[in-house]
Amino acid sequence: MRLDKFICESTSLTRSLAKKALHRGDITCDGIVVKDSGFKVTEGMQICLEGEPITLVGERYLMLNKPVDTICSTIDETYPSVLSLLDLAKPETLHIAGRLDADTTGLVLITSDGQWSHRITSPKKDCGKRYLVQLAEPVDASLIEVFAAGVELRNEEGLTKPAVLEIIEPQCVRLTITEGKYHQVKRMFAAVGNHVVGLHRESIGQIELDPDLALGEWRYLTAEEIASI
């Protein structure tokens, strides 16, 4: 890898600022000042910026327990982005794999790995997402078969993919879906004459929200969690 690219991928410096740091003699490779931006960095070299070692950030995989009044966007809009909850270098390389509404809480996965993210969000991959749903009205057990067969959403042709409904209490259910249509859970219950008053995502695929994470807290995924997608 070129030295200027290594610097950019290891720090918050832009390509032009990296070249200025090189010209000033701020960069050393194994203790030797290097000013050539095209210098090839090889594995095992120690690269320092102003005497401090720098390393490649690499791919990152995180889970976050999303609080209300935050949005799954890369920029702050009406509400702050969930990325503002992360104290990490190079946040611009991260994106959110599967979004939640501002009033929805729970598991959000954040990564720099586009292919991994695609395996979560692509409808063809059938990656299940499980939600805990609080409802305005009690649900009947007959709804289990209705959701398993698919529901017709307003302004859409065809039915939703089969969904798994588990009734916990008359007005509290778990719902697992494999799609990510706009406001899908809320629209599914609206289609059967009910109204969602609380929504919390518990899992994506085999990745369960860590119960030790308070709202707004995050952690890196384990190797097993990453490999499960």
Protein backbone atom coordinates (compact mmCIF):
# COMPACT_ATOMS: atom_id res chain seq x y z
CA MET A 1 0.00 0.00 0.00
CA ARG A 2 1.18 3.51 -0.81
CA LEU A 3 2.30 5.45 2.26
CA ASP A 4 -0.10 8.37 1.68
CA LYS A 5 -3.03 5.94 1.43
CA PHE A 6 -1.87 4.16 4.59
CA ILE A 7 -1.85 7.46 6.46
CA CYS A 8 -5.35 8.37 5.25
CA GLU A 9 -6.75 4.96 6.22
CA SER A 10 -5.09 5.12 9.64
CA THR A 11 -5.91 8.71 10.62
CA SER A 12 -8.42 11.48 9.97
CA LEU A 13 -6.02 13.18 7.54
CA THR A 14 -7.12 13.79 3.96
CA ARG A 15 -4.80 12.88 1.09
CA SER A 16 -3.59 16.50 0.78
CA LEU A 17 -2.94 16.81 4.54
CA ALA A 18 -1.11 13.48 4.51
CA LYS A 19 1.19 14.76 1.77
CA LYS A 20 1.87 17.93 3.76
CA ALA A 21 2.76 15.82 6.81
CA LEU A 22 5.16 13.83 4.63
CA HIS A 23 6.80 16.95 3.26
CA ARG A 24 7.27 18.28 6.80
CA GLY A 25 9.06 15.08 7.79
CA ASP A 26 6.33 14.10 10.29
CA ILE A 27 6.23 10.48 9.09
CA THR A 28 8.74 7.78 9.93
CA CYS A 29 8.85 4.19 8.71
CA ASP A 30 10.79 1.92 11.08
CA GLY A 31 12.38 5.02 12.59
CA ILE A 32 13.46 6.59 9.29
CA VAL A 33 11.88 9.79 7.99
CA VAL A 34 10.11 9.15 4.67
CA LYS A 35 8.82 11.99 2.48
CA ASP A 36 7.84 9.98 -0.59
CA SER A 37 4.04 9.60 -0.73
CA GLY A 38 4.43 6.61 -3.07
CA PHE A 39 6.65 4.69 -0.65
CA LYS A 40 5.36 1.12 -0.33
CA VAL A 41 4.32 0.10 3.17
CA THR A 42 4.84 -3.61 3.82
CA GLU A 43 3.52 -5.86 6.57
CA GLY A 44 5.32 -5.47 9.88
CA MET A 45 6.55 -1.91 9.30
CA GLN A 46 6.05 0.55 12.13
CA ILE A 47 4.64 3.80 10.78
CA CYS A 48 4.64 6.81 13.08
CA LEU A 49 3.03 10.24 12.77
CA GLU A 50 4.88 12.83 14.86
CA GLY A 51 6.40 10.00 16.85
CA GLU A 52 3.12 8.18 17.56
CA PRO A 53 2.48 4.77 15.92
CA ILE A 54 -0.49 4.57 13.57
CA THR A 55 -2.23 1.44 12.31
CA LEU A 56 -4.85 0.66 9.71
CA VAL A 57 -8.41 0.91 11.02
CA GLY A 58 -9.56 -2.15 9.05
CA GLU A 59 -13.12 -3.42 8.74
CA ARG A 60 -15.34 -2.72 11.73
CA TYR A 61 -18.50 -4.46 12.96
CA LEU A 62 -20.55 -3.06 15.83
CA MET A 63 -23.88 -3.49 17.57
CA LEU A 64 -25.72 -0.56 19.13
CA ASN A 65 -28.77 -0.44 21.39
CA LYS A 66 -30.62 2.39 19.66
CA PRO A 67 -32.53 4.86 21.83
CA VAL A 68 -35.62 6.78 20.72
CA ASP A 69 -35.27 10.13 18.93
CA THR A 70 -32.20 9.04 16.98
CA ILE A 71 -32.14 8.13 13.29
CA CYS A 72 -30.33 5.51 11.23
CA SER A 73 -28.73 8.01 8.90
CA THR A 74 -25.12 9.00 8.31
CA ILE A 75 -25.94 12.66 8.98
CA ASP A 76 -27.93 14.50 11.64
CA GLU A 77 -31.34 15.59 10.35
CA THR A 78 -34.44 16.20 12.50
CA TYR A 79 -32.86 13.93 15.12
CA PRO A 80 -29.19 13.07 15.70
CA SER A 81 -27.69 10.16 13.80
CA VAL A 82 -26.94 6.98 15.74
CA LEU A 83 -23.36 7.43 14.50
CA SER A 84 -23.09 10.44 16.83
CA LEU A 85 -23.22 7.93 19.72
CA LEU A 86 -19.95 6.35 18.58
CA ASP A 87 -16.62 7.77 19.74
CA LEU A 88 -14.61 6.29 16.89
CA ALA A 89 -12.07 7.41 14.33
CA LYS A 90 -13.15 7.73 10.70
CA PRO A 91 -16.92 7.48 11.28
CA GLU A 92 -17.43 8.42 7.63
CA THR A 93 -16.39 4.89 6.63
CA LEU A 94 -19.28 3.36 8.61
CA HIS A 95 -22.84 2.71 7.50
CA ILE A 96 -25.95 1.25 9.10
CA ALA A 97 -27.07 -2.24 8.05
CA GLY A 98 -30.85 -2.07 8.29
CA ARG A 99 -32.62 0.99 9.59
CA LEU A 100 -35.02 1.69 12.44
CA ASP A 101 -37.51 4.54 12.77
CA ALA A 102 -36.78 7.41 15.16
CA ASP A 103 -39.33 6.08 17.68
CA THR A 104 -38.05 2.47 17.52
CA THR A 105 -35.41 1.13 19.89
CA GLY A 106 -33.10 -1.87 19.87
CA LEU A 107 -30.48 -3.63 17.81
CA VAL A 108 -28.70 -1.72 15.07
CA LEU A 109 -25.69 -3.18 13.26
CA ILE A 110 -23.04 -0.77 11.98
CA THR A 111 -20.14 -1.72 9.73
CA SER A 112 -17.60 -0.60 7.16
CA ASP A 113 -18.00 -3.89 5.24
CA GLY A 114 -20.43 -3.34 2.37
CA GLN A 115 -20.72 -7.01 1.35
CA TRP A 116 -21.47 -8.08 4.92
CA SER A 117 -24.09 -5.35 5.19
CA HIS A 118 -25.70 -6.48 1.93
CA ARG A 119 -26.22 -9.97 3.34
CA ILE A 120 -28.34 -8.40 6.07
CA THR A 121 -30.40 -6.01 3.98
CA SER A 122 -30.95 -7.96 0.75
CA PRO A 123 -34.47 -9.49 0.61
CA LYS A 124 -32.97 -12.47 -1.24
CA LYS A 125 -30.90 -13.44 1.80
CA ASP A 126 -33.93 -14.01 4.10
CA CYS A 127 -32.11 -12.60 7.12
CA GLY A 128 -34.68 -12.63 9.92
CA LYS A 129 -35.28 -9.61 12.13
CA ARG A 130 -37.16 -10.16 15.39
CA TYR A 131 -39.14 -7.39 17.06
CA LEU A 132 -40.90 -7.00 20.39
CA VAL A 133 -44.14 -5.19 19.56
CA GLN A 134 -46.52 -3.36 21.91
CA LEU A 135 -50.00 -2.91 20.43
CA ALA A 136 -52.98 -0.65 21.07
CA GLU A 137 -55.47 -3.52 20.82
CA PRO A 138 -55.35 -7.19 21.83
CA VAL A 139 -54.49 -9.69 19.10
CA ASP A 140 -56.28 -12.92 18.36
CA ALA A 141 -54.41 -16.20 17.91
CA SER A 142 -55.81 -16.42 14.37
CA LEU A 143 -53.35 -13.68 13.41
CA ILE A 144 -50.51 -16.21 13.65
CA GLU A 145 -51.76 -17.95 10.50
CA VAL A 146 -52.57 -14.66 8.80
CA PHE A 147 -49.00 -13.39 9.20
CA ALA A 148 -47.56 -16.79 8.23
CA ALA A 149 -49.50 -16.60 4.95
CA GLY A 150 -48.47 -12.99 4.22
CA VAL A 151 -50.25 -9.66 4.61
CA GLU A 152 -51.28 -7.24 1.89
CA LEU A 153 -49.87 -3.81 2.66
CA ARG A 154 -51.56 -0.64 1.58
CA ASN A 155 -50.36 0.71 -1.80
CA GLU A 156 -48.35 -2.45 -2.53
CA GLU A 157 -49.03 -5.40 -4.79
CA GLY A 158 -48.78 -8.94 -3.48
CA LEU A 159 -48.27 -10.18 0.06
CA THR A 160 -45.43 -9.80 2.50
CA LYS A 161 -43.15 -12.78 2.93
CA PRO A 162 -44.25 -15.25 5.63
CA ALA A 163 -43.69 -13.86 9.12
CA VAL A 164 -43.55 -15.62 12.49
CA LEU A 165 -45.84 -14.20 15.18
CA GLU A 166 -45.58 -15.20 18.84
CA ILE A 167 -48.21 -13.87 21.25
CA ILE A 168 -46.70 -13.08 24.65
CA GLU A 169 -49.62 -11.14 26.11
CA PRO A 170 -52.84 -9.89 24.47
CA GLN A 171 -51.17 -6.59 23.51
CA CYS A 172 -47.53 -7.73 23.38
CA VAL A 173 -46.10 -9.96 20.64
CA ARG A 174 -42.87 -10.95 18.97
CA LEU A 175 -42.71 -10.74 15.20
CA THR A 176 -39.95 -12.08 12.96
CA ILE A 177 -39.79 -10.83 9.37
CA THR A 178 -37.27 -11.41 6.59
CA GLU A 179 -37.94 -8.24 4.59
CA GLY A 180 -37.23 -4.61 5.26
CA LYS A 181 -40.09 -2.72 3.68
CA TYR A 182 -40.73 0.86 4.73
CA HIS A 183 -42.37 0.86 8.21
CA GLN A 184 -43.15 -2.80 7.59
CA VAL A 185 -44.03 -3.94 11.11
CA LYS A 186 -46.28 -0.94 11.72
CA ARG A 187 -47.95 -1.35 8.33
CA MET A 188 -48.54 -5.08 8.84
CA PHE A 189 -50.46 -4.48 12.04
CA ALA A 190 -52.29 -1.50 10.51
CA ALA A 191 -53.41 -3.85 7.70
CA VAL A 192 -55.18 -6.04 10.28
CA GLY A 193 -56.75 -3.12 12.12
CA ASN A 194 -54.28 -2.63 14.96
CA HIS A 195 -51.76 0.06 15.89
CA VAL A 196 -48.16 -0.29 17.07
CA VAL A 197 -47.45 1.81 20.18
CA GLY A 198 -43.98 0.44 20.95
CA LEU A 199 -41.35 -1.29 18.82
CA HIS A 200 -38.00 -2.79 19.84
CA ARG A 201 -35.68 -4.90 17.64
CA GLU A 202 -34.20 -7.84 19.53
CA SER A 203 -32.19 -9.68 16.90
CA ILE A 204 -30.91 -9.74 13.32
CA GLY A 205 -30.16 -13.20 11.98
CA GLN A 206 -28.41 -15.05 14.80
CA ILE A 207 -27.11 -11.84 16.39
CA GLU A 208 -29.01 -11.03 19.59
CA LEU A 209 -28.95 -7.60 21.21
CA ASP A 210 -26.52 -7.79 24.15
CA PRO A 211 -28.62 -7.44 27.34
CA ASP A 212 -25.70 -5.66 29.03
CA LEU A 213 -25.96 -2.74 26.59
CA ALA A 214 -28.04 0.15 27.91
CA LEU A 215 -29.86 2.38 25.45
CA GLY A 216 -27.26 4.36 23.52
CA GLU A 217 -24.40 1.96 24.30
CA TRP A 218 -22.47 -0.16 21.78
CA ARG A 219 -19.80 -2.80 21.47
CA TYR A 220 -17.80 -4.55 18.76
CA LEU A 221 -19.24 -7.80 17.43
CA THR A 222 -17.47 -11.03 18.28
CA ALA A 223 -15.87 -13.12 15.54
CA GLU A 224 -18.69 -15.65 15.91
CA GLU A 225 -21.36 -12.96 15.49
CA ILE A 226 -19.66 -11.59 12.38
CA ALA A 227 -19.36 -15.05 10.85
CA SER A 228 -23.04 -15.83 11.51
CA ILE A 229 -24.21 -13.38 8.82
